[in-house]
Amino acid sequence: MTEPYQELSDALNTSFETKNEIVKNKKEIKDLSKTDAEQDYNKIRKNLYGLMGTGKEAIDGILKVATEGDAPRAYEVVSQLLKTVSEINKDLMDLHKQVKEVNKEENVYNNTTTNAIYVGSTSDLQDLINPDRSRVKKVIDVEHEVKPEDDE
């Protein structure tokens, strides 16, 4: 049996070798570390501030056009730009809230009791704290056997 591309190889005076390699694409899922989240936050924040600055410049420019031309369409564009810039401000505030939520989830809660309540008298508490000075002393009960004396 001849190879599938033998005639082509003969015509071109070359040899054709087939290689059957299976390549598996493994996509590594990278854990987002705190630094990645901070970098993304800073990048998004910078972009939003840039959009706000550009929006303010556009509002200033279109306001000049609107006041000079007295065209209703120009005022409509100004109102749309104002709405867009205010939405960007809201997006910035939402970003801050989302970052706080992400950081809040990362916090580990330690269940420690800071306000412990003791139910009992102060003298009982004093006895627990310092048993050496306790008013109630521990009594050791020892049985003593009396040996009869022999009279010789």
N, C-alpha and C. Protein backbone atom coordinates (compact mmCIF):
# COMPACT_ATOMS: atom_id res chain seq x y z
N MET A 1 0.84 -1.16 0.00
CA MET A 1 0.00 0.00 0.00
C MET A 1 0.89 1.23 0.00
N THR A 2 0.58 2.20 -0.82
CA THR A 2 1.39 3.41 -0.93
C THR A 2 0.89 4.46 0.05
N GLU A 3 1.78 5.35 0.37
CA GLU A 3 1.42 6.42 1.28
C GLU A 3 0.45 7.37 0.58
N PRO A 4 -0.37 8.08 1.36
CA PRO A 4 -1.39 8.91 0.72
C PRO A 4 -0.82 10.06 -0.12
N TYR A 5 0.35 10.55 0.21
CA TYR A 5 0.91 11.67 -0.53
C TYR A 5 2.19 11.28 -1.28
N GLN A 6 2.30 10.03 -1.64
CA GLN A 6 3.50 9.53 -2.31
C GLN A 6 3.66 10.17 -3.69
N GLU A 7 2.58 10.29 -4.44
CA GLU A 7 2.66 10.87 -5.78
C GLU A 7 3.08 12.33 -5.70
N LEU A 8 2.60 13.04 -4.72
CA LEU A 8 2.97 14.43 -4.54
C LEU A 8 4.45 14.54 -4.17
N SER A 9 4.91 13.65 -3.31
CA SER A 9 6.31 13.65 -2.91
C SER A 9 7.22 13.34 -4.11
N ASP A 10 6.80 12.39 -4.96
CA ASP A 10 7.60 12.06 -6.15
C ASP A 10 7.65 13.24 -7.11
N ALA A 11 6.54 13.95 -7.28
CA ALA A 11 6.48 15.07 -8.21
C ALA A 11 7.36 16.23 -7.73
N LEU A 12 7.47 16.39 -6.43
CA LEU A 12 8.24 17.50 -5.89
C LEU A 12 9.66 17.09 -5.49
N ASN A 13 10.00 15.84 -5.71
CA ASN A 13 11.29 15.28 -5.33
C ASN A 13 11.60 15.52 -3.84
N THR A 14 10.62 15.27 -3.04
CA THR A 14 10.79 15.39 -1.58
C THR A 14 10.21 14.16 -0.92
N SER A 15 10.51 14.04 0.32
CA SER A 15 9.89 12.94 1.06
C SER A 15 8.91 13.56 2.06
N PHE A 16 7.79 12.92 2.18
CA PHE A 16 6.74 13.41 3.05
C PHE A 16 6.53 12.41 4.17
N GLU A 17 6.71 12.88 5.38
CA GLU A 17 6.51 12.01 6.52
C GLU A 17 5.34 12.55 7.33
N THR A 18 4.48 11.66 7.67
CA THR A 18 3.34 12.09 8.49
C THR A 18 3.66 11.84 9.95
N LYS A 19 3.31 12.76 10.72
CA LYS A 19 3.49 12.63 12.16
C LYS A 19 2.13 12.85 12.81
N ASN A 20 1.76 11.91 13.58
CA ASN A 20 0.50 12.03 14.31
C ASN A 20 0.79 12.35 15.76
N GLU A 21 0.76 13.62 16.04
CA GLU A 21 0.98 14.06 17.40
C GLU A 21 -0.32 14.65 17.93
N ILE A 22 -0.64 14.26 19.10
CA ILE A 22 -1.83 14.81 19.74
C ILE A 22 -1.36 15.82 20.77
N VAL A 23 -1.79 17.01 20.58
CA VAL A 23 -1.42 18.08 21.49
C VAL A 23 -2.66 18.47 22.28
N LYS A 24 -2.54 18.35 23.57
CA LYS A 24 -3.66 18.73 24.42
C LYS A 24 -3.40 20.12 24.98
N ASN A 25 -4.36 20.96 24.79
CA ASN A 25 -4.24 22.32 25.32
C ASN A 25 -4.75 22.33 26.75
N LYS A 26 -3.85 22.62 27.63
CA LYS A 26 -4.24 22.73 29.02
C LYS A 26 -4.27 24.20 29.39
N LYS A 27 -5.41 24.62 29.80
CA LYS A 27 -5.54 25.99 30.26
C LYS A 27 -5.39 25.98 31.77
N GLU A 28 -4.41 26.69 32.20
CA GLU A 28 -4.18 26.75 33.64
C GLU A 28 -5.07 27.84 34.23
N ILE A 29 -5.77 27.47 35.24
CA ILE A 29 -6.60 28.43 35.94
C ILE A 29 -5.75 29.03 37.04
N LYS A 30 -5.50 30.26 36.87
CA LYS A 30 -4.61 30.95 37.80
C LYS A 30 -5.43 31.54 38.93
N ASP A 31 -5.00 31.27 40.14
CA ASP A 31 -5.67 31.84 41.29
C ASP A 31 -5.40 33.34 41.32
N LEU A 32 -6.47 34.06 41.53
CA LEU A 32 -6.30 35.50 41.63
C LEU A 32 -5.79 35.83 43.02
N SER A 33 -4.63 36.36 43.05
CA SER A 33 -4.09 36.75 44.34
C SER A 33 -4.55 38.16 44.66
N LYS A 34 -4.24 38.58 45.83
CA LYS A 34 -4.65 39.91 46.26
C LYS A 34 -4.02 40.97 45.38
N THR A 35 -2.80 40.73 44.94
CA THR A 35 -2.13 41.74 44.11
C THR A 35 -2.81 41.86 42.76
N ASP A 36 -3.29 40.75 42.19
CA ASP A 36 -4.00 40.82 40.92
C ASP A 36 -5.30 41.61 41.08
N ALA A 37 -6.00 41.36 42.15
CA ALA A 37 -7.25 42.08 42.40
C ALA A 37 -6.97 43.56 42.60
N GLU A 38 -5.90 43.88 43.30
CA GLU A 38 -5.55 45.28 43.51
C GLU A 38 -5.15 45.95 42.19
N GLN A 39 -4.41 45.21 41.36
CA GLN A 39 -4.00 45.77 40.06
C GLN A 39 -5.23 46.03 39.19
N ASP A 40 -6.17 45.07 39.18
CA ASP A 40 -7.39 45.25 38.40
C ASP A 40 -8.20 46.44 38.92
N TYR A 41 -8.29 46.53 40.24
CA TYR A 41 -9.02 47.65 40.85
C TYR A 41 -8.39 48.97 40.44
N ASN A 42 -7.08 49.06 40.53
CA ASN A 42 -6.40 50.31 40.18
C ASN A 42 -6.58 50.65 38.70
N LYS A 43 -6.53 49.62 37.84
CA LYS A 43 -6.70 49.86 36.41
C LYS A 43 -8.11 50.34 36.10
N ILE A 44 -9.11 49.70 36.69
CA ILE A 44 -10.50 50.09 36.46
C ILE A 44 -10.73 51.50 36.98
N ARG A 45 -10.19 51.78 38.15
CA ARG A 45 -10.36 53.10 38.75
C ARG A 45 -9.73 54.17 37.87
N LYS A 46 -8.55 53.87 37.35
CA LYS A 46 -7.87 54.83 36.47
C LYS A 46 -8.68 55.05 35.19
N ASN A 47 -9.23 53.98 34.63
CA ASN A 47 -10.05 54.10 33.42
C ASN A 47 -11.30 54.94 33.68
N LEU A 48 -11.94 54.71 34.82
CA LEU A 48 -13.16 55.47 35.13
C LEU A 48 -12.85 56.94 35.32
N TYR A 49 -11.72 57.25 35.98
CA TYR A 49 -11.34 58.65 36.13
C TYR A 49 -11.02 59.28 34.76
N GLY A 50 -10.40 58.52 33.88
CA GLY A 50 -10.13 59.02 32.53
C GLY A 50 -11.41 59.29 31.76
N LEU A 51 -12.38 58.38 31.90
CA LEU A 51 -13.66 58.59 31.24
C LEU A 51 -14.39 59.81 31.79
N MET A 52 -14.29 60.01 33.09
CA MET A 52 -14.93 61.19 33.68
C MET A 52 -14.28 62.47 33.16
N GLY A 53 -12.96 62.50 33.05
CA GLY A 53 -12.27 63.68 32.54
C GLY A 53 -12.63 63.96 31.09
N THR A 54 -12.67 62.91 30.30
CA THR A 54 -13.05 63.07 28.89
C THR A 54 -14.49 63.54 28.76
N GLY A 55 -15.34 62.98 29.61
CA GLY A 55 -16.75 63.39 29.59
C GLY A 55 -16.92 64.85 29.97
N LYS A 56 -16.15 65.32 30.94
CA LYS A 56 -16.24 66.73 31.34
C LYS A 56 -15.79 67.64 30.20
N GLU A 57 -14.72 67.25 29.51
CA GLU A 57 -14.25 68.05 28.37
C GLU A 57 -15.29 68.06 27.26
N ALA A 58 -15.91 66.92 27.02
CA ALA A 58 -16.93 66.85 25.98
C ALA A 58 -18.14 67.70 26.35
N ILE A 59 -18.50 67.71 27.61
CA ILE A 59 -19.63 68.52 28.06
C ILE A 59 -19.32 70.00 27.86
N ASP A 60 -18.10 70.40 28.23
CA ASP A 60 -17.72 71.81 28.03
C ASP A 60 -17.80 72.19 26.56
N GLY A 61 -17.30 71.33 25.69
CA GLY A 61 -17.31 71.63 24.25
C GLY A 61 -18.71 71.68 23.68
N ILE A 62 -19.54 70.72 24.03
CA ILE A 62 -20.89 70.70 23.45
C ILE A 62 -21.76 71.80 24.05
N LEU A 63 -21.45 72.22 25.29
CA LEU A 63 -22.19 73.34 25.88
C LEU A 63 -21.93 74.63 25.11
N LYS A 64 -20.67 74.83 24.68
CA LYS A 64 -20.36 76.01 23.87
C LYS A 64 -21.13 75.98 22.56
N VAL A 65 -21.17 74.78 21.95
CA VAL A 65 -21.90 74.64 20.68
C VAL A 65 -23.39 74.89 20.90
N ALA A 66 -23.93 74.37 22.01
CA ALA A 66 -25.35 74.52 22.29
C ALA A 66 -25.73 75.97 22.55
N THR A 67 -24.90 76.69 23.30
CA THR A 67 -25.24 78.09 23.60
C THR A 67 -25.08 78.99 22.39
N GLU A 68 -24.13 78.68 21.51
CA GLU A 68 -23.94 79.50 20.32
C GLU A 68 -24.99 79.22 19.26
N GLY A 69 -25.44 77.97 19.16
CA GLY A 69 -26.35 77.63 18.08
C GLY A 69 -27.80 77.61 18.48
N ASP A 70 -28.10 77.54 19.76
CA ASP A 70 -29.47 77.45 20.26
C ASP A 70 -30.26 76.32 19.60
N ALA A 71 -29.58 75.22 19.31
CA ALA A 71 -30.26 74.07 18.71
C ALA A 71 -30.72 73.13 19.81
N PRO A 72 -31.97 72.67 19.77
CA PRO A 72 -32.46 71.76 20.80
C PRO A 72 -31.70 70.43 20.82
N ARG A 73 -31.25 70.00 19.69
CA ARG A 73 -30.51 68.73 19.62
C ARG A 73 -29.20 68.83 20.41
N ALA A 74 -28.54 69.96 20.36
CA ALA A 74 -27.29 70.15 21.09
C ALA A 74 -27.53 70.06 22.59
N TYR A 75 -28.65 70.63 23.07
CA TYR A 75 -28.97 70.54 24.49
C TYR A 75 -29.32 69.10 24.89
N GLU A 76 -29.91 68.38 23.98
CA GLU A 76 -30.22 66.97 24.25
C GLU A 76 -28.92 66.17 24.40
N VAL A 77 -27.95 66.45 23.56
CA VAL A 77 -26.65 65.78 23.64
C VAL A 77 -25.97 66.13 24.96
N VAL A 78 -26.07 67.39 25.39
CA VAL A 78 -25.49 67.79 26.66
C VAL A 78 -26.11 67.00 27.80
N SER A 79 -27.43 66.85 27.78
CA SER A 79 -28.10 66.12 28.86
C SER A 79 -27.69 64.65 28.85
N GLN A 80 -27.51 64.07 27.67
CA GLN A 80 -27.06 62.68 27.60
C GLN A 80 -25.63 62.52 28.13
N LEU A 81 -24.78 63.47 27.80
CA LEU A 81 -23.41 63.43 28.32
C LEU A 81 -23.37 63.58 29.84
N LEU A 82 -24.21 64.48 30.36
CA LEU A 82 -24.29 64.64 31.81
C LEU A 82 -24.74 63.35 32.48
N LYS A 83 -25.72 62.70 31.88
CA LYS A 83 -26.22 61.43 32.42
C LYS A 83 -25.12 60.37 32.38
N THR A 84 -24.36 60.32 31.30
CA THR A 84 -23.29 59.34 31.16
C THR A 84 -22.20 59.56 32.21
N VAL A 85 -21.82 60.81 32.42
CA VAL A 85 -20.78 61.10 33.40
C VAL A 85 -21.27 60.77 34.81
N SER A 86 -22.54 61.05 35.09
CA SER A 86 -23.06 60.71 36.42
C SER A 86 -23.12 59.19 36.61
N GLU A 87 -23.40 58.44 35.55
CA GLU A 87 -23.38 56.98 35.64
C GLU A 87 -21.96 56.46 35.88
N ILE A 88 -20.98 57.12 35.30
CA ILE A 88 -19.59 56.73 35.55
C ILE A 88 -19.25 56.94 37.02
N ASN A 89 -19.74 58.05 37.59
CA ASN A 89 -19.51 58.29 39.02
C ASN A 89 -20.16 57.18 39.86
N LYS A 90 -21.36 56.77 39.48
CA LYS A 90 -22.02 55.69 40.21
C LYS A 90 -21.25 54.38 40.04
N ASP A 91 -20.72 54.15 38.85
CA ASP A 91 -19.92 52.94 38.63
C ASP A 91 -18.68 52.94 39.51
N LEU A 92 -18.08 54.10 39.69
CA LEU A 92 -16.90 54.21 40.55
C LEU A 92 -17.27 53.88 42.00
N MET A 93 -18.40 54.36 42.46
CA MET A 93 -18.84 54.05 43.82
C MET A 93 -19.18 52.57 43.96
N ASP A 94 -19.80 51.98 42.94
CA ASP A 94 -20.09 50.54 42.96
C ASP A 94 -18.79 49.73 43.01
N LEU A 95 -17.79 50.21 42.30
CA LEU A 95 -16.49 49.53 42.32
C LEU A 95 -15.92 49.52 43.73
N HIS A 96 -16.02 50.64 44.42
CA HIS A 96 -15.53 50.70 45.79
C HIS A 96 -16.28 49.71 46.68
N LYS A 97 -17.60 49.63 46.51
CA LYS A 97 -18.39 48.70 47.32
C LYS A 97 -18.00 47.25 47.03
N GLN A 98 -17.79 46.94 45.76
CA GLN A 98 -17.43 45.57 45.38
C GLN A 98 -16.07 45.19 45.95
N VAL A 99 -15.13 46.12 45.93
CA VAL A 99 -13.80 45.83 46.47
C VAL A 99 -13.90 45.61 47.98
N LYS A 100 -14.71 46.39 48.66
CA LYS A 100 -14.89 46.19 50.10
C LYS A 100 -15.50 44.82 50.38
N GLU A 101 -16.46 44.39 49.56
CA GLU A 101 -17.07 43.08 49.75
C GLU A 101 -16.06 41.97 49.53
N VAL A 102 -15.22 42.12 48.52
CA VAL A 102 -14.20 41.10 48.25
C VAL A 102 -13.22 41.03 49.41
N ASN A 103 -12.78 42.18 49.90
CA ASN A 103 -11.86 42.20 51.03
C ASN A 103 -12.51 41.68 52.30
N LYS A 104 -13.79 41.93 52.44
CA LYS A 104 -14.52 41.47 53.62
C LYS A 104 -14.61 39.95 53.62
N GLU A 105 -14.80 39.33 52.45
CA GLU A 105 -14.87 37.88 52.36
C GLU A 105 -13.52 37.24 52.67
N GLU A 106 -12.44 37.97 52.40
CA GLU A 106 -11.11 37.42 52.64
C GLU A 106 -10.74 37.43 54.12
N ASN A 107 -11.41 38.27 54.91
CA ASN A 107 -11.11 38.35 56.34
C ASN A 107 -11.50 37.06 57.03
N VAL A 108 -10.66 36.63 57.93
CA VAL A 108 -10.94 35.45 58.73
C VAL A 108 -11.49 35.93 60.06
N TYR A 109 -12.62 35.41 60.41
CA TYR A 109 -13.25 35.83 61.64
C TYR A 109 -12.77 34.95 62.78
N ASN A 110 -12.31 35.59 63.84
CA ASN A 110 -11.83 34.90 65.01
C ASN A 110 -12.89 35.04 66.08
N ASN A 111 -13.41 33.92 66.55
CA ASN A 111 -14.46 33.94 67.54
C ASN A 111 -13.86 33.99 68.93
N THR A 112 -13.59 35.18 69.40
CA THR A 112 -13.08 35.36 70.75
C THR A 112 -14.11 36.14 71.54
N THR A 113 -14.25 35.77 72.77
CA THR A 113 -15.18 36.46 73.64
C THR A 113 -14.44 37.55 74.37
N THR A 114 -14.89 38.77 74.20
CA THR A 114 -14.22 39.88 74.86
C THR A 114 -14.96 40.31 76.12
N ASN A 115 -16.22 40.04 76.19
CA ASN A 115 -17.00 40.42 77.35
C ASN A 115 -17.53 39.16 78.03
N ALA A 116 -16.73 38.59 78.91
CA ALA A 116 -17.15 37.40 79.62
C ALA A 116 -17.90 37.82 80.88
N ILE A 117 -18.94 37.09 81.18
CA ILE A 117 -19.75 37.42 82.33
C ILE A 117 -19.61 36.31 83.36
N TYR A 118 -19.31 36.69 84.60
CA TYR A 118 -19.21 35.73 85.70
C TYR A 118 -20.44 35.88 86.57
N VAL A 119 -21.11 34.79 86.80
CA VAL A 119 -22.28 34.81 87.66
C VAL A 119 -21.88 34.18 88.98
N GLY A 120 -21.83 34.99 89.99
CA GLY A 120 -21.45 34.53 91.32
C GLY A 120 -21.05 35.73 92.17
N SER A 121 -20.71 35.46 93.39
CA SER A 121 -20.35 36.56 94.29
C SER A 121 -18.88 36.92 94.10
N THR A 122 -18.52 38.10 94.59
CA THR A 122 -17.14 38.54 94.45
C THR A 122 -16.20 37.69 95.30
N SER A 123 -16.70 37.21 96.44
CA SER A 123 -15.83 36.36 97.26
C SER A 123 -15.57 35.02 96.58
N ASP A 124 -16.58 34.49 95.87
CA ASP A 124 -16.36 33.25 95.11
C ASP A 124 -15.35 33.48 93.99
N LEU A 125 -15.45 34.63 93.34
CA LEU A 125 -14.51 34.95 92.28
C LEU A 125 -13.10 35.10 92.83
N GLN A 126 -12.99 35.74 93.97
CA GLN A 126 -11.68 35.90 94.61
C GLN A 126 -11.09 34.54 94.98
N ASP A 127 -11.95 33.62 95.42
CA ASP A 127 -11.48 32.28 95.75
C ASP A 127 -10.97 31.55 94.51
N LEU A 128 -11.61 31.78 93.36
CA LEU A 128 -11.16 31.14 92.12
C LEU A 128 -9.85 31.73 91.62
N ILE A 129 -9.71 33.04 91.76
CA ILE A 129 -8.52 33.71 91.24
C ILE A 129 -7.29 33.39 92.08
N ASN A 130 -7.42 33.48 93.39
CA ASN A 130 -6.27 33.28 94.25
C ASN A 130 -6.64 32.30 95.37
N PRO A 131 -6.48 31.00 95.12
CA PRO A 131 -6.90 30.02 96.12
C PRO A 131 -6.04 30.05 97.39
N ASP A 132 -4.81 30.60 97.33
CA ASP A 132 -3.97 30.67 98.53
C ASP A 132 -4.55 31.63 99.56
N ARG A 133 -5.18 32.67 99.09
CA ARG A 133 -5.76 33.66 100.00
C ARG A 133 -7.24 33.41 100.22
N SER A 134 -7.70 32.28 99.78
CA SER A 134 -9.12 31.97 99.87
C SER A 134 -9.57 31.90 101.32
N ARG A 135 -10.79 32.32 101.56
CA ARG A 135 -11.34 32.23 102.91
C ARG A 135 -11.78 30.81 103.23
N VAL A 136 -11.99 30.03 102.17
CA VAL A 136 -12.35 28.63 102.36
C VAL A 136 -11.11 27.82 102.04
N LYS A 137 -10.54 27.23 103.04
CA LYS A 137 -9.34 26.44 102.86
C LYS A 137 -9.72 25.01 102.57
N LYS A 138 -8.89 24.39 101.77
CA LYS A 138 -9.12 22.98 101.49
C LYS A 138 -8.70 22.17 102.71
N VAL A 139 -9.57 21.31 103.13
CA VAL A 139 -9.30 20.47 104.29
C VAL A 139 -9.05 19.07 103.79
N ILE A 140 -7.95 18.53 104.21
CA ILE A 140 -7.61 17.17 103.82
C ILE A 140 -8.09 16.26 104.94
N ASP A 141 -8.96 15.36 104.61
CA ASP A 141 -9.52 14.45 105.61
C ASP A 141 -8.66 13.20 105.66
N VAL A 142 -8.01 12.99 106.77
CA VAL A 142 -7.14 11.84 106.94
C VAL A 142 -7.67 11.04 108.14
N GLU A 143 -7.82 9.80 107.90
CA GLU A 143 -8.24 8.96 109.02
C GLU A 143 -7.01 8.48 109.75
N HIS A 144 -7.08 8.56 111.04
CA HIS A 144 -5.93 8.20 111.87
C HIS A 144 -6.30 6.98 112.69
N GLU A 145 -5.48 5.99 112.58
CA GLU A 145 -5.73 4.77 113.36
C GLU A 145 -4.94 4.84 114.65
N VAL A 146 -5.60 4.52 115.69
CA VAL A 146 -4.94 4.51 117.00
C VAL A 146 -4.57 3.09 117.31
N LYS A 147 -3.32 2.88 117.53
CA LYS A 147 -2.84 1.54 117.86
C LYS A 147 -2.91 1.37 119.39
N PRO A 148 -3.46 0.27 119.78
CA PRO A 148 -3.49 0.06 121.24
C PRO A 148 -2.10 -0.21 121.77
N GLU A 149 -1.84 0.33 122.91
CA GLU A 149 -0.53 0.15 123.53
C GLU A 149 -0.50 -1.18 124.28
N ASP A 150 0.55 -1.83 124.13
CA ASP A 150 0.69 -3.12 124.84
C ASP A 150 1.28 -2.84 126.21
N ASP A 151 0.69 -3.45 127.25
CA ASP A 151 1.25 -3.31 128.61
C ASP A 151 2.10 -4.52 128.90
N GLU A 152 3.22 -4.49 128.93
CA GLU A 152 4.06 -5.64 129.23
C GLU A 152 4.60 -5.58 130.58
